Amino acid sequence: MASETSSSPPLRFPTWQRAYSAVLTEADTRALFKLVEIAEAAILTRRASLEGDPNHHSEREAIDDAIAILREVKKKRLRFP
């Protein structure tokens, strides 16, 4: 049986992408709510740790994209206003 690392491409930013990826693959709406909370916390914590650091441009862009997608998940799948 293949492990997750051999069947999936490596994550570029694993400190928050694992939680974010869990949101994207969750089918159960009840579980999705909690996963969105976890992913948002991980992403916002990482974004805060990057403040004042002039590097990490690609990660900042990936974070912005992830936040936008989480907003859509909340609106469309979780029926947030």
Protein backbone atom coordinates (compact mmCIF):
# COMPACT_ATOMS: atom_id res chain seq x y z
CA MET A 1 0.00 0.00 0.00
CA ALA A 2 1.40 3.42 -0.95
CA SER A 3 1.89 6.01 1.74
CA GLU A 4 0.40 9.49 1.50
CA THR A 5 3.78 10.99 0.71
CA SER A 6 4.42 8.66 -2.20
CA SER A 7 0.96 9.04 -3.75
CA SER A 8 0.57 12.79 -3.18
CA PRO A 9 2.89 15.55 -4.26
CA PRO A 10 4.84 17.04 -1.36
CA LEU A 11 3.31 20.11 0.22
CA ARG A 12 5.23 23.33 -0.31
CA PHE A 13 3.95 24.87 2.93
CA PRO A 14 3.05 21.98 5.22
CA THR A 15 2.59 24.13 8.35
CA TRP A 16 -0.86 25.10 7.06
CA GLN A 17 -1.45 23.16 3.84
CA ARG A 18 -2.27 19.87 5.58
CA ALA A 19 -5.22 21.47 7.36
CA TYR A 20 -6.25 23.30 4.19
CA SER A 21 -6.07 20.11 2.09
CA ALA A 22 -8.31 18.34 4.61
CA VAL A 23 -11.00 20.95 3.92
CA LEU A 24 -10.79 20.43 0.18
CA THR A 25 -11.23 16.67 0.44
CA GLU A 26 -13.92 16.48 3.14
CA ALA A 27 -17.33 15.33 1.93
CA ASP A 28 -19.16 15.38 5.28
CA THR A 29 -20.57 18.87 5.90
CA ARG A 30 -20.68 18.28 9.66
CA ALA A 31 -16.96 17.54 9.76
CA LEU A 32 -16.21 20.32 7.27
CA PHE A 33 -17.16 23.11 9.67
CA LYS A 34 -14.50 22.08 12.21
CA LEU A 35 -11.90 21.50 9.50
CA VAL A 36 -12.48 25.01 8.14
CA GLU A 37 -11.90 26.43 11.62
CA ILE A 38 -8.68 24.46 11.97
CA ALA A 39 -7.43 25.48 8.52
CA GLU A 40 -8.25 29.14 9.07
CA ALA A 41 -6.39 29.14 12.38
CA ALA A 42 -3.32 27.49 10.83
CA ILE A 43 -3.32 29.86 7.86
CA LEU A 44 -3.83 33.02 9.89
CA THR A 45 -1.17 31.98 12.40
CA ARG A 46 1.32 31.40 9.60
CA ARG A 47 0.39 34.69 7.91
CA ALA A 48 0.97 36.54 11.18
CA SER A 49 4.38 34.88 11.59
CA LEU A 50 5.38 36.14 8.13
CA GLU A 51 4.58 39.80 8.92
CA GLY A 52 7.63 41.99 8.68
CA ASP A 53 9.57 39.34 6.75
CA PRO A 54 10.33 40.58 3.23
CA ASN A 55 10.70 37.00 1.93
CA HIS A 56 8.11 34.26 1.35
CA HIS A 57 6.27 35.98 -1.52
CA SER A 58 5.05 32.70 -3.00
CA GLU A 59 3.74 31.53 0.35
CA ARG A 60 1.92 34.82 0.91
CA GLU A 61 0.24 34.42 -2.48
CA ALA A 62 -0.69 30.82 -1.67
CA ILE A 63 -2.15 31.97 1.66
CA ASP A 64 -4.22 34.66 -0.05
CA ASP A 65 -5.54 32.07 -2.53
CA ALA A 66 -6.34 29.61 0.26
CA ILE A 67 -8.23 32.24 2.26
CA ALA A 68 -10.31 33.11 -0.81
CA ILE A 69 -11.13 29.45 -1.43
CA LEU A 70 -12.06 28.91 2.23
CA ARG A 71 -14.45 31.86 1.93
CA GLU A 72 -16.11 30.14 -1.02
CA VAL A 73 -16.32 26.84 0.84
CA LYS A 74 -17.99 28.61 3.74
CA LYS A 75 -20.47 30.38 1.45
CA LYS A 76 -21.34 27.50 -0.85
CA ARG A 77 -20.97 24.37 1.24
CA LEU A 78 -21.60 25.68 4.75
CA ARG A 79 -24.17 28.32 3.70
CA PHE A 80 -22.45 31.24 5.47
CA PRO A 81 -23.84 34.65 4.43
